[in-house]
Protein backbone atom coordinates (compact mmCIF):
# COMPACT_ATOMS: atom_id res chain seq x y z
CA UNK A 1 89.84 132.70 116.17
CA UNK A 2 86.14 133.60 116.03
CA UNK A 3 83.48 135.08 118.26
CA UNK A 4 81.08 133.00 120.32
CA UNK A 5 77.39 133.97 120.49
CA UNK A 6 78.07 136.00 123.63
CA UNK A 7 80.73 138.03 121.84
CA UNK A 8 83.74 136.43 123.53
CA UNK A 9 86.72 135.30 121.52
CA UNK A 10 86.62 131.59 120.71
CA UNK A 11 90.00 129.85 120.47
CA UNK A 12 90.36 127.27 117.71
CA UNK A 13 90.10 123.77 119.17
CA UNK A 14 91.30 121.00 116.80
CA UNK A 15 89.66 118.36 118.96
CA UNK A 16 86.27 119.86 118.12
CA UNK A 17 86.89 119.94 114.34
CA UNK A 18 86.64 116.62 112.45
CA UNK A 19 88.38 118.04 109.36
CA UNK A 20 91.57 119.05 111.13
CA UNK A 21 93.27 115.67 111.53
CA UNK A 22 92.71 114.45 107.93
CA UNK A 23 94.40 117.68 106.92
CA UNK A 24 97.29 116.92 109.26
CA UNK A 25 97.82 113.45 107.75
CA UNK A 26 97.62 114.94 104.26
CA UNK A 27 100.26 117.44 105.33
CA UNK A 28 102.56 114.55 106.31
CA UNK A 29 102.10 112.31 103.26
CA UNK A 30 102.06 114.99 100.55
CA UNK A 31 105.56 116.33 101.39
CA UNK A 32 106.85 112.77 101.52
CA UNK A 33 105.58 112.20 97.99
CA UNK A 34 107.04 115.52 96.87
CA UNK A 35 110.47 115.47 98.55
CA UNK A 36 111.13 111.71 98.86
CA UNK A 37 109.33 110.03 95.93
CA UNK A 38 111.52 106.92 96.12
CA UNK A 39 110.49 106.36 99.74
CA UNK A 40 106.83 107.03 98.98
CA UNK A 41 106.97 104.61 96.04
CA UNK A 42 108.19 101.59 97.99
CA UNK A 43 104.79 100.61 99.43
CA UNK A 44 103.22 101.21 96.02
CA UNK A 45 105.64 98.77 94.39
CA UNK A 46 104.80 96.20 97.04
CA UNK A 47 101.12 96.61 96.21
CA UNK A 48 101.97 96.48 92.50
CA UNK A 49 103.56 93.05 92.99
CA UNK A 50 100.56 91.89 94.99
CA UNK A 51 98.23 93.06 92.20
CA UNK A 52 100.09 90.99 89.62
CA UNK A 53 100.11 87.93 91.90
CA UNK A 54 96.42 88.34 92.67
CA UNK A 55 95.66 88.53 88.96
CA UNK A 56 97.38 85.19 88.46
CA UNK A 57 95.65 83.65 91.48
CA UNK A 58 92.28 84.79 90.14
CA UNK A 59 93.22 83.45 86.67
CA UNK A 60 92.63 86.89 85.18
CA UNK A 61 96.08 87.10 83.57
CA UNK A 62 96.45 87.00 79.83
CA UNK A 63 99.35 85.23 78.10
CA UNK A 64 101.99 86.99 76.05
CA UNK A 65 101.30 87.58 72.39
CA UNK A 66 101.36 84.27 70.45
CA UNK A 67 104.10 85.67 68.20
CA UNK A 68 106.60 85.92 71.08
CA UNK A 69 108.80 82.86 71.69
CA UNK A 70 111.92 82.05 73.70
CA UNK A 71 114.93 79.85 72.91
CA UNK A 72 116.97 78.77 75.93
CA UNK A 73 120.71 78.30 75.71
CA UNK A 74 121.52 75.88 78.52
CA UNK A 75 125.09 75.06 79.40
CA UNK A 76 124.65 71.27 79.20
CA UNK A 77 127.22 68.69 78.14
CA UNK A 78 126.44 69.05 74.44
CA UNK A 79 126.76 72.84 74.41
CA UNK A 80 129.91 72.65 76.53
CA UNK A 81 131.41 70.22 73.98
CA UNK A 82 130.56 72.55 71.11
CA UNK A 83 132.08 75.51 72.90
CA UNK A 84 135.24 73.54 73.50
CA UNK A 85 135.54 72.22 69.94
CA UNK A 86 134.09 75.02 67.78
CA UNK A 87 134.22 78.00 70.07
CA UNK A 88 131.48 80.13 71.62
CA UNK A 89 131.02 82.47 68.64
CA UNK A 90 130.94 79.71 66.04
CA UNK A 91 128.41 77.78 68.14
CA UNK A 92 126.26 80.94 68.48
CA UNK A 93 126.43 81.49 64.70
CA UNK A 94 125.30 77.91 64.09
CA UNK A 95 122.42 78.22 66.54
CA UNK A 96 121.23 81.49 65.01
CA UNK A 97 121.16 79.88 61.57
CA UNK A 98 119.12 77.01 63.00
CA UNK A 99 116.61 79.42 64.58
CA UNK A 100 116.39 81.38 61.33
CA UNK A 101 115.60 78.23 59.38
CA UNK A 102 112.30 77.95 61.28
CA UNK A 103 111.06 81.18 59.70
CA UNK A 104 110.91 83.84 62.46
CA UNK A 105 110.60 87.51 61.59
CA UNK A 106 112.92 88.71 64.38
CA UNK A 107 115.66 87.08 66.44
CA UNK A 108 116.53 89.20 69.48
CA UNK A 109 119.80 88.05 71.01
CA UNK A 110 119.91 88.66 74.77
CA UNK A 111 123.64 87.89 74.97
CA UNK A 112 126.39 90.44 74.41
CA UNK A 113 129.12 89.08 72.15
CA UNK A 114 131.82 91.70 72.66
CA UNK A 115 134.95 89.98 74.00
CA UNK A 116 135.86 87.38 71.40
CA UNK A 117 138.72 87.49 68.98
CA UNK A 118 138.33 89.44 65.79
CA UNK A 119 138.02 86.28 63.72
CA UNK A 120 135.37 84.85 66.03
CA UNK A 121 133.38 88.06 65.92
CA UNK A 122 133.66 88.16 62.14
CA UNK A 123 132.24 84.65 61.90
CA UNK A 124 129.21 85.58 63.97
CA UNK A 125 128.81 88.78 61.93
CA UNK A 126 128.77 86.73 58.73
CA UNK A 127 126.02 84.57 60.17
CA UNK A 128 123.95 87.67 60.96
CA UNK A 129 124.45 89.05 57.47
CA UNK A 130 123.60 85.70 55.93
CA UNK A 131 120.34 85.49 57.88
CA UNK A 132 119.29 89.05 57.05
CA UNK A 133 120.23 88.67 53.39
CA UNK A 134 117.26 86.36 52.94
CA UNK A 135 115.00 89.32 53.61
CA UNK A 136 112.71 87.40 55.92
CA UNK A 137 114.44 87.51 59.30
CA UNK A 138 116.04 90.42 61.16
CA UNK A 139 118.61 89.92 63.91
CA UNK A 140 118.79 92.30 66.86
CA UNK A 141 122.02 92.22 68.87
CA UNK A 142 122.58 93.43 72.42
CA UNK A 143 124.47 96.37 73.83
CA UNK A 144 124.74 97.71 77.35
CA UNK A 145 126.02 100.66 79.32
CA UNK A 146 128.78 99.68 81.73
CA UNK A 147 130.88 101.43 84.33
CA UNK A 148 134.63 101.23 83.73
CA UNK A 149 136.40 102.55 86.80
CA UNK A 150 133.45 104.78 87.57
CA UNK A 151 133.25 106.06 84.00
CA UNK A 152 130.25 104.95 81.96
CA UNK A 153 130.93 103.36 78.60
CA UNK A 154 128.87 101.74 75.88
CA UNK A 155 129.55 98.07 75.18
CA UNK A 156 128.34 96.88 71.77
CA UNK A 157 128.15 93.39 70.36
CA UNK A 158 130.77 92.56 67.70
CA UNK A 159 132.82 95.76 68.16
CA UNK A 160 135.68 94.27 66.09
CA UNK A 161 133.39 93.26 63.23
CA UNK A 162 131.56 96.52 62.61
CA UNK A 163 128.86 95.87 65.18
CA UNK A 164 127.57 99.46 65.01
CA UNK A 165 126.06 98.76 61.59
CA UNK A 166 123.76 96.08 63.01
CA UNK A 167 120.49 96.79 64.80
CA UNK A 168 121.18 96.63 68.51
CA UNK A 169 119.12 97.18 71.66
CA UNK A 170 120.08 98.02 75.24
CA UNK A 171 119.62 95.14 77.67
CA UNK A 172 120.15 97.10 80.91
CA UNK A 173 117.32 96.64 83.39
CA UNK A 174 117.14 98.36 86.76
CA UNK A 175 118.16 95.83 89.39
CA UNK A 176 115.84 95.52 92.37
CA UNK A 177 114.37 92.98 94.72
CA UNK A 178 111.96 92.23 91.89
CA UNK A 179 113.07 93.26 88.42
CA UNK A 180 110.12 95.20 87.10
CA UNK A 181 111.33 98.65 86.07
CA UNK A 182 112.13 99.10 82.39
CA UNK A 183 113.11 101.89 80.00
CA UNK A 184 112.12 101.61 76.38
CA UNK A 185 114.69 104.24 75.38
CA UNK A 186 118.13 104.86 76.89
CA UNK A 187 120.20 108.01 76.70
CA UNK A 188 123.99 107.86 76.54
CA UNK A 189 126.46 110.59 75.59
CA UNK A 190 123.73 112.64 73.91
CA UNK A 191 122.45 109.73 71.82
CA UNK A 192 119.22 107.77 72.10
CA UNK A 193 119.31 103.98 71.97
CA UNK A 194 116.28 101.68 71.88
CA UNK A 195 115.93 98.93 74.41
CA UNK A 196 116.14 95.33 73.21
CA UNK A 197 112.34 95.18 73.34
CA UNK A 198 111.90 98.36 71.28
CA UNK A 199 114.58 97.26 68.81
CA UNK A 200 112.83 93.91 68.35
CA UNK A 201 109.54 95.73 67.95
CA UNK A 202 111.11 97.98 65.29
CA UNK A 203 112.63 95.03 63.44
CA UNK A 204 109.19 93.45 63.06
CA UNK A 205 107.76 96.54 61.34
CA UNK A 206 108.43 98.24 58.04
CA UNK A 207 107.97 101.57 56.31
CA UNK A 208 106.17 104.32 58.24
CA UNK A 209 105.32 101.83 60.98
CA UNK A 210 108.96 101.67 62.11
CA UNK A 211 109.63 103.69 65.29
CA UNK A 212 111.75 106.73 64.58
CA UNK A 213 113.44 109.20 66.88
CA UNK A 214 111.47 112.44 66.87
CA UNK A 215 113.32 114.16 69.69
CA UNK A 216 116.06 113.18 72.11
CA UNK A 217 114.90 110.22 74.15
CA UNK A 218 111.63 109.74 72.25
CA UNK A 219 110.58 107.40 69.44
CA UNK A 220 107.26 107.57 67.62
CA UNK A 221 105.52 105.32 65.11
CA UNK A 222 102.20 104.87 63.43
CA UNK A 223 99.74 102.23 64.45
CA UNK A 224 96.26 101.21 63.38
CA UNK A 225 93.45 102.04 65.78
CA UNK A 226 90.34 99.93 66.54
CA UNK A 227 88.39 101.50 63.64
CA UNK A 228 91.24 101.40 61.16
CA UNK A 229 92.31 104.95 61.88
CA UNK A 230 96.03 105.71 61.93
CA UNK A 231 97.26 106.69 65.37
CA UNK A 232 100.62 107.82 66.70
CA UNK A 233 102.24 105.78 69.44
CA UNK A 234 105.41 106.68 71.30
CA UNK A 235 108.05 105.38 73.70
CA UNK A 236 110.49 107.54 75.62
CA UNK A 237 113.24 107.34 78.20
CA UNK A 238 110.87 107.60 81.16
CA UNK A 239 110.60 104.55 83.32
CA UNK A 240 107.71 102.13 83.12
CA UNK A 241 106.84 98.96 84.99
CA UNK A 242 106.52 95.66 83.19
CA UNK A 243 103.06 94.16 83.09
CA UNK A 244 104.35 90.68 83.86
CA UNK A 245 101.41 88.36 83.21
CA UNK A 246 102.69 85.23 84.94
CA UNK A 247 105.78 83.19 85.65
CA UNK A 248 108.01 82.05 82.81
CA UNK A 249 107.41 78.48 83.96
CA UNK A 250 103.60 78.78 84.27
CA UNK A 251 102.05 77.59 81.01
CA UNK A 252 98.43 77.46 82.21
CA UNK A 253 97.49 80.65 80.43
CA UNK A 254 99.21 79.59 77.21
CA UNK A 255 97.36 76.28 77.22
CA UNK A 256 94.05 78.04 77.90
CA UNK A 257 94.70 80.24 74.83
CA UNK A 258 95.84 77.22 72.77
CA UNK A 259 99.36 78.62 72.45
CA UNK A 260 101.91 75.84 72.05
CA UNK A 261 105.68 75.71 72.04
CA UNK A 262 106.30 79.09 73.67
CA UNK A 263 109.66 77.94 75.03
CA UNK A 264 112.25 76.01 73.04
CA UNK A 265 115.36 74.08 73.94
CA UNK A 266 118.27 73.82 71.55
CA UNK A 267 117.69 70.07 71.10
CA UNK A 268 114.03 70.50 70.13
CA UNK A 269 114.91 73.40 67.87
CA UNK A 270 117.45 71.38 65.96
CA UNK A 271 115.06 68.42 65.60
CA UNK A 272 112.41 70.65 64.04
CA UNK A 273 114.96 72.31 61.76
CA UNK A 274 116.24 68.95 60.56
CA UNK A 275 112.72 68.15 59.37
CA UNK A 276 112.44 71.40 57.45
CA UNK A 277 109.57 72.76 59.56
CA UNK A 278 108.83 76.45 59.90
CA UNK A 279 107.11 76.39 63.25
CA UNK A 280 108.35 79.90 64.14
CA UNK A 281 107.03 81.64 61.05
CA UNK A 282 106.65 85.41 61.57
CA UNK A 283 107.49 85.04 65.27
CA UNK A 284 109.70 87.25 67.43
CA UNK A 285 112.21 84.96 69.09
CA UNK A 286 114.26 85.97 72.12
CA UNK A 287 117.50 83.99 72.25
CA UNK A 288 119.29 83.92 75.60
CA UNK A 289 120.69 81.92 78.47
CA UNK A 290 118.45 79.85 80.68
CA UNK A 291 117.66 80.58 84.32
CA UNK A 292 120.85 78.93 85.57
CA UNK A 293 123.08 81.44 83.79
CA UNK A 294 120.84 84.50 83.62
CA UNK A 295 118.27 84.16 86.39
CA UNK A 296 116.57 87.33 87.55
CA UNK A 297 114.05 87.79 90.39
CA UNK A 298 110.61 88.90 89.27
CA UNK A 299 107.19 89.28 90.85
CA UNK A 300 106.29 85.69 89.95
CA UNK A 301 109.53 83.89 90.73
CA UNK A 302 112.87 84.15 92.51
CA UNK A 303 114.79 83.22 89.35
CA UNK A 304 113.47 83.62 85.84
CA UNK A 305 115.37 84.04 82.54
CA UNK A 306 116.38 87.61 81.78
CA UNK A 307 115.10 87.30 78.21
CA UNK A 308 111.57 86.85 79.63
CA UNK A 309 111.78 90.44 80.94
CA UNK A 310 112.55 91.75 77.46
CA UNK A 311 109.85 89.54 75.95
CA UNK A 312 107.32 91.01 78.37
CA UNK A 313 108.44 94.53 77.46
CA UNK A 314 107.98 93.62 73.77
CA UNK A 315 104.45 92.44 74.55
CA UNK A 316 103.71 95.65 76.46
CA UNK A 317 104.82 97.70 73.48
CA UNK A 318 102.74 95.68 71.06
CA UNK A 319 99.54 95.90 73.15
CA UNK A 320 100.29 99.19 74.96
CA UNK A 321 100.20 97.54 78.37
CA UNK A 322 103.21 99.10 80.04
CA UNK A 323 102.28 100.31 83.50
CA UNK A 324 103.22 103.91 84.11
CA UNK A 325 103.57 105.43 87.57
CA UNK A 326 101.06 108.15 88.36
CA UNK A 327 102.54 111.61 88.27
CA UNK A 328 103.02 113.90 91.23
CA UNK A 329 99.93 115.98 90.46
CA UNK A 330 97.70 112.94 90.15
CA UNK A 331 98.92 111.46 93.42
CA UNK A 332 98.52 114.75 95.29
CA UNK A 333 95.02 115.12 93.86
CA UNK A 334 94.19 111.61 95.07
CA UNK A 335 95.51 112.40 98.55
CA UNK A 336 93.48 115.60 98.63
CA UNK A 337 90.27 113.84 97.63
CA UNK A 338 90.84 111.14 100.27
CA UNK A 339 91.45 113.77 102.97
CA UNK A 340 88.29 115.63 101.93
CA UNK A 341 86.18 112.46 101.96
CA UNK A 342 87.58 111.57 105.37
CA UNK A 343 86.61 114.99 106.76
CA UNK A 344 83.10 114.69 105.32
CA UNK A 345 82.68 111.13 106.59
CA UNK A 346 83.86 112.05 110.09
CA UNK A 347 81.42 114.96 110.16
CA UNK A 348 78.45 112.83 109.10
CA UNK A 349 79.17 109.53 110.85
CA UNK A 350 78.51 109.86 114.57
CA UNK A 351 78.29 106.29 115.82
CA UNK A 352 81.47 104.34 116.46
CA UNK A 353 80.15 101.22 114.78
CA UNK A 354 79.51 103.02 111.51
CA UNK A 355 82.82 104.83 111.77
CA UNK A 356 84.61 101.48 111.81
CA UNK A 357 82.53 100.29 108.85
CA UNK A 358 83.34 103.45 106.90
CA UNK A 359 87.03 103.11 107.79
CA UNK A 360 87.25 99.52 106.56
CA UNK A 361 85.21 100.28 103.45
CA UNK A 362 87.47 103.21 102.57
CA UNK A 363 90.67 101.19 102.94
CA UNK A 364 89.28 98.29 100.90
CA UNK A 365 88.04 100.66 98.19
CA UNK A 366 91.41 102.37 97.90
CA UNK A 367 93.43 99.16 97.84
CA UNK A 368 91.17 97.34 95.42
CA UNK A 369 90.89 100.49 93.31
CA UNK A 370 94.68 100.47 93.05
CA UNK A 371 94.55 96.92 91.70
CA UNK A 372 91.89 97.85 89.15
CA UNK A 373 94.00 100.80 87.99
CA UNK A 374 96.96 98.48 87.49
CA UNK A 375 94.96 95.75 85.74
CA UNK A 376 92.82 97.81 83.41
CA UNK A 377 94.16 101.37 83.29
CA UNK A 378 97.84 100.32 83.28
CA UNK A 379 98.52 102.99 85.88
CA UNK A 380 100.28 102.73 89.23
CA UNK A 381 98.51 105.24 91.54
CA UNK A 382 99.45 106.12 95.09
CA UNK A 383 96.83 103.73 96.48
CA UNK A 384 98.83 102.51 99.47
CA UNK A 385 99.76 106.01 100.60
CA UNK A 386 96.15 107.08 100.11
CA UNK A 387 95.03 104.11 102.21
CA UNK A 388 97.61 105.05 104.84
CA UNK A 389 96.23 108.59 104.80
CA UNK A 390 92.71 107.27 105.27
CA UNK A 391 93.73 104.83 108.00
CA UNK A 392 95.84 107.43 109.80
CA UNK A 393 92.96 109.90 109.66
CA UNK A 394 90.60 107.26 111.08
CA UNK A 395 92.97 106.48 113.96
CA UNK A 396 93.31 110.17 114.75
CA UNK A 397 89.53 110.55 114.53
CA UNK A 398 89.10 107.72 117.04
CA UNK A 399 91.60 109.45 119.29
CA UNK A 400 89.82 112.77 118.79
CA UNK A 401 86.48 111.31 119.76
CA UNK A 402 88.02 109.59 122.76
CA UNK A 403 89.52 112.92 123.81
CA UNK A 404 86.14 114.63 123.44
CA UNK A 405 84.53 111.90 125.54
CA UNK A 406 87.22 112.28 128.19
CA UNK A 407 86.72 116.04 128.25
CA UNK A 408 82.98 115.62 128.60
CA UNK A 409 83.44 113.00 131.30
CA UNK A 410 85.83 115.24 133.21
CA UNK A 411 83.45 118.17 132.82
CA UNK A 412 80.53 116.01 133.90
CA UNK A 413 82.40 114.71 136.91
CA UNK A 414 83.44 118.23 137.82
CA UNK A 415 79.86 119.44 137.58
CA UNK A 416 78.60 116.53 139.63
CA UNK A 417 81.27 117.35 142.19
CA UNK A 418 79.44 120.59 142.90
CA UNK A 419 76.39 118.65 144.08
CA UNK A 420 77.61 115.40 145.64
CA UNK A 421 79.97 114.64 148.42
CA UNK A 422 83.19 112.85 147.42
CA UNK A 423 81.88 109.53 148.72
CA UNK A 424 78.60 109.83 146.81
CA UNK A 425 80.32 111.24 143.73
CA UNK A 426 82.61 108.23 143.50
CA UNK A 427 79.63 105.88 143.43
CA UNK A 428 77.70 108.07 140.97
CA UNK A 429 80.63 108.16 138.53
CA UNK A 430 80.95 104.37 138.66
CA UNK A 431 77.23 103.90 138.14
CA UNK A 432 75.36 106.76 136.48
CA UNK A 433 72.11 104.81 136.82
CA UNK A 434 72.14 105.91 140.44
CA UNK A 435 70.95 109.39 139.45
CA UNK A 436 67.89 108.01 137.72
CA UNK A 437 64.64 108.67 139.60
CA UNK A 438 63.99 106.14 142.33
CA UNK A 439 61.98 106.43 145.53
CA UNK A 440 64.01 106.59 148.74
CA UNK A 441 63.88 107.99 152.24
CA UNK A 442 65.07 111.56 151.70
CA UNK A 443 65.91 114.45 154.03
CA UNK A 444 66.48 118.04 153.02
CA UNK A 445 68.19 120.91 154.79
CA UNK A 446 67.29 124.53 154.00
CA UNK A 447 69.29 127.42 155.39
CA UNK A 448 68.88 131.15 154.83
CA UNK A 449 70.44 134.30 156.23
CA UNK A 450 68.49 136.39 158.71
CA UNK A 451 68.01 140.04 157.79
CA UNK A 452 69.29 139.52 154.25
CA UNK A 453 67.01 142.19 152.75
CA UNK A 454 68.17 144.79 155.26
CA UNK A 455 71.76 143.70 154.69
CA UNK A 456 71.46 144.23 150.95
CA UNK A 457 69.94 147.69 151.50
CA UNK A 458 72.62 148.90 153.88
CA UNK A 459 75.84 147.20 152.75
CA UNK A 460 77.91 147.47 149.56
CA UNK A 461 77.26 144.70 147.10
CA UNK A 462 80.87 143.49 147.32
CA UNK A 463 80.51 142.98 151.07
CA UNK A 464 77.20 141.16 150.60
CA UNK A 465 78.76 138.72 148.13
CA UNK A 466 81.77 138.18 150.35
CA UNK A 467 79.47 137.44 153.29
CA UNK A 468 77.35 135.03 151.25
CA UNK A 469 80.39 133.15 149.99
CA UNK A 470 81.72 132.77 153.53
CA UNK A 471 78.34 131.50 154.69
CA UNK A 472 77.94 129.09 151.74
CA UNK A 473 81.44 127.74 152.35
CA UNK A 474 80.49 126.92 155.96
CA UNK A 475 77.21 125.30 154.90
CA UNK A 476 78.81 123.35 152.05
CA UNK A 477 81.53 121.95 154.29
CA UNK A 478 78.96 120.89 156.88
CA UNK A 479 76.75 119.17 154.28
CA UNK A 480 79.60 117.37 152.54
CA UNK A 481 81.03 116.29 155.87
CA UNK A 482 77.80 114.36 156.36
CA UNK A 483 77.92 112.95 152.78
CA UNK A 484 75.12 115.20 151.66
CA UNK A 485 74.36 116.38 148.12
CA UNK A 486 74.06 120.05 147.25
CA UNK A 487 70.90 121.18 145.54
CA UNK A 488 71.31 124.90 144.96
CA UNK A 489 72.31 128.36 146.17
CA UNK A 490 69.56 130.89 145.63
CA UNK A 491 70.08 134.36 147.02
CA UNK A 492 70.84 133.73 150.67
CA UNK A 493 69.34 130.25 150.65
CA UNK A 494 71.29 127.05 150.80
CA UNK A 495 69.69 123.66 150.09
CA UNK A 496 71.18 120.20 150.58
CA UNK A 497 69.67 116.72 150.77
CA UNK A 498 70.44 113.17 151.88
CA UNK A 499 69.19 109.74 150.85
CA UNK A 500 69.54 110.22 147.10
CA UNK A 501 71.01 109.22 144.82
CA UNK A 502 72.85 107.02 147.36
CA UNK A 503 70.39 105.73 149.98
CA UNK A 504 71.49 106.02 153.60
CA UNK A 505 70.08 104.50 156.78
CA UNK A 506 68.88 107.68 158.48
CA UNK A 507 69.03 110.74 156.21
CA UNK A 508 67.28 112.90 158.80
CA UNK A 509 70.11 112.34 161.28
CA UNK A 510 72.67 113.39 158.66
CA UNK A 511 70.72 116.51 157.85
CA UNK A 512 70.33 117.39 161.55
CA UNK A 513 74.03 116.88 162.25
CA UNK A 514 74.88 119.11 159.27
CA UNK A 515 72.52 121.82 160.59
CA UNK A 516 74.07 121.60 164.04
CA UNK A 517 77.51 121.80 162.47
CA UNK A 518 76.52 124.99 160.68
CA UNK A 519 75.22 126.49 163.92
CA UNK A 520 78.37 125.59 165.82
CA UNK A 521 80.59 127.15 163.19
CA UNK A 522 78.51 130.32 163.09
CA UNK A 523 78.61 130.66 166.90
CA UNK A 524 82.40 130.51 166.76
CA UNK A 525 82.45 133.29 164.18
CA UNK A 526 79.98 135.62 165.85
CA UNK A 527 82.89 137.42 167.45
CA UNK A 528 84.09 138.32 163.98
CA UNK A 529 82.78 141.53 162.41
CA UNK A 530 79.67 141.32 160.29
CA UNK A 531 76.39 139.49 160.75
CA UNK A 532 76.50 135.73 160.50
CA UNK A 533 73.09 134.51 161.73
CA UNK A 534 71.18 131.94 159.69
CA UNK A 535 67.93 130.05 160.02
CA UNK A 536 68.16 126.33 159.32
CA UNK A 537 65.26 123.96 158.77
CA UNK A 538 64.53 120.67 157.13
CA UNK A 539 62.15 117.88 156.36
CA UNK A 540 62.37 114.15 155.71
CA UNK A 541 60.15 111.58 154.09
CA UNK A 542 59.63 109.32 151.13
CA UNK A 543 60.73 110.89 147.86
CA UNK A 544 62.85 110.61 144.76
CA UNK A 545 65.27 112.61 142.70
CA UNK A 546 64.18 114.01 139.32
CA UNK A 547 64.63 116.99 137.05
CA UNK A 548 62.26 119.92 137.43
CA UNK A 549 61.98 123.06 135.41
CA UNK A 550 61.15 124.33 131.96
CA UNK A 551 62.71 123.69 128.59
CA UNK A 552 64.92 126.74 129.12
CA UNK A 553 66.22 125.89 132.56
CA UNK A 554 65.80 123.53 135.46
CA UNK A 555 66.73 124.14 139.07
CA UNK A 556 67.69 121.88 141.90
CA UNK A 557 64.94 122.67 144.40
CA UNK A 558 63.08 120.42 146.83
CA UNK A 559 59.29 120.40 146.82
CA UNK A 560 57.86 119.20 150.14
CA UNK A 561 54.55 119.45 151.93
CA UNK A 562 55.95 121.58 154.73
CA UNK A 563 59.30 123.28 155.21
CA UNK A 564 60.09 124.37 158.73
CA UNK A 565 61.86 127.70 158.93
CA UNK A 566 63.00 127.08 162.50
CA UNK A 567 66.54 126.60 163.58
CA UNK A 568 67.50 123.21 164.99
CA UNK A 569 66.92 124.53 168.48
CA UNK A 570 63.70 126.49 167.93
CA UNK A 571 60.45 125.41 166.22
CA UNK A 572 58.89 128.29 164.26
CA UNK A 573 55.32 129.39 164.79
CA UNK A 574 52.81 127.53 162.69
CA UNK A 575 51.79 130.80 161.03
CA UNK A 576 55.28 131.17 159.54
CA UNK A 577 55.33 127.74 157.96
CA UNK A 578 55.20 127.91 154.16
CA UNK A 579 53.02 125.16 152.78
CA UNK A 580 53.53 123.96 149.25
CA UNK A 581 51.44 121.78 147.05
CA UNK A 582 52.31 118.14 147.33
CA UNK A 583 53.75 116.70 144.13
CA UNK A 584 53.76 112.93 143.70
CA UNK A 585 57.04 111.21 142.81
CA UNK A 586 57.79 111.47 139.10
CA UNK A 587 60.49 109.97 136.93
CA UNK A 588 61.12 113.40 135.41
CA UNK A 589 59.53 116.42 137.01
CA UNK A 590 60.72 118.71 134.23
CA UNK A 591 61.01 118.46 130.44
CA UNK A 592 64.07 117.91 128.30
CA UNK A 593 66.12 120.98 129.07
CA UNK A 594 69.12 122.94 128.08
CA UNK A 595 70.22 122.95 131.71
CA UNK A 596 69.28 119.83 133.62
CA UNK A 597 69.61 119.33 137.38
CA UNK A 598 68.09 116.91 139.86
CA UNK A 599 65.67 117.70 142.63
CA UNK A 600 64.30 115.70 145.55
CA UNK A 601 60.52 115.34 145.78
CA UNK A 602 59.13 114.67 149.25
CA UNK A 603 55.65 113.14 149.26
CA UNK A 604 55.20 112.70 153.02
CA UNK A 605 57.56 114.37 155.45
CA UNK A 606 58.43 114.77 159.09
CA UNK A 607 59.76 118.11 160.26
CA UNK A 608 62.82 118.00 162.47
CA UNK A 609 64.76 120.51 164.51
């Protein structure tokens, strides 16, 4: 609450403050982000998916690293026959040897082999040891965290063949409508386990470049910077979002980068191996089931192989492209900046057209800025919620301005109601052009109280005001009854006029009937105590309505050549007539004013009684 210039207390009015409603919207979205982050994140994930799809549609996506390849294990007739004759584990051991013969650096197995017989597991373990004994290829097996009757447990590959001694990575991925969330490190029973992607990344490195656990849930390793400087990179158990470049089945980007044979079938693999080729030299190969057995929904397809998710995570690690969600502080700062910009824009932009332009520009900037942050900064900001804040603030600003307009219209109509009869007021409100200056046949009625000076000298001021108000009420009723318009009350004088802004056939008759009505009412009240005698006079002629006054104030006051001071029944002596200088009709008889009223100007008049 503050003080107005006249010293009165001014009550805070939110409708008059353009900064209030952006603050209100900020106060709604910020707690949502703080207390319900999962709810606030849902629209951001939708926009994240759209950003990845738009990048593909604009052909801005980059392919996975050329060293990453995939081998599909499809359950066709040949594989089914091998499973039936040799067994699943023996077939897997044979296929791993075949893949290793092509010279890869890492084979990451996206299949958990944990339920076979001890002999079967031992056979697969021997194949792993045989491959790694050559010193060229490392094998990464899979493990997962499972719920057994509500109790979490760790399921390793080859548990009956000493599987804990082999390098293994967690294959658990958060299930969702689109599988996109990933954790590079998993915590279980106080231990830290690398994901399959991080384990494959570790297997491809050696010496100080191998990721090592530096604290619970965190692995660090050395990498070479752009200028050959050693840098420290890290991965932890916080969640990230996969920077999926394109669909597993979309090879346009591979072909554009001259990358061939990204995906392998078992048949093609065995043909190449039979020829002694090493087409997978130094590659990281993800070995897993095809989409029919391990299909997962992603941003780019309803069913894509699960191993493609781990391959993408491996690519994100290699090129540091994992997309991290913006933290709480960053999102709240973004919301605050958007609210502040909205308040500034609403204060500066006055026209509705530009307000709409600013609103659309702000939403587009926030949404497209969110895409740019995802594409190039690898950051998922609260762009959608910020855009909702901006849009909500704009809608409330439109409502605020509409409310202000309604208030002003109601105030204007109320003010006009002081001067026009209900019939005239209705037409004026529907067409404000009516009050513009235009020449019409106009009649004015002037009434004043006889003996007013003596009355003021002899009576208490309260009684004088009470008497005046009673008199003005009688005169106002009489004028409005004849559809007249009120000009002003000045001292004991009352002034009304007819013919403007709504022309009438005979304004002089209306004015005369109003004067007679005043006289009749006063005669009825003469028996009451107190003086009630007035002098009524008028004039009619060609004139118009315009503003008159100074820049400080204008008054509603007729200017005519002659105003008769006689009552309707008595013509005054000529010596008592008060001549005034004739003023020609003018579109605006006064200047632009702080207080603006209309006045009738009579150029030629006829006195009436």
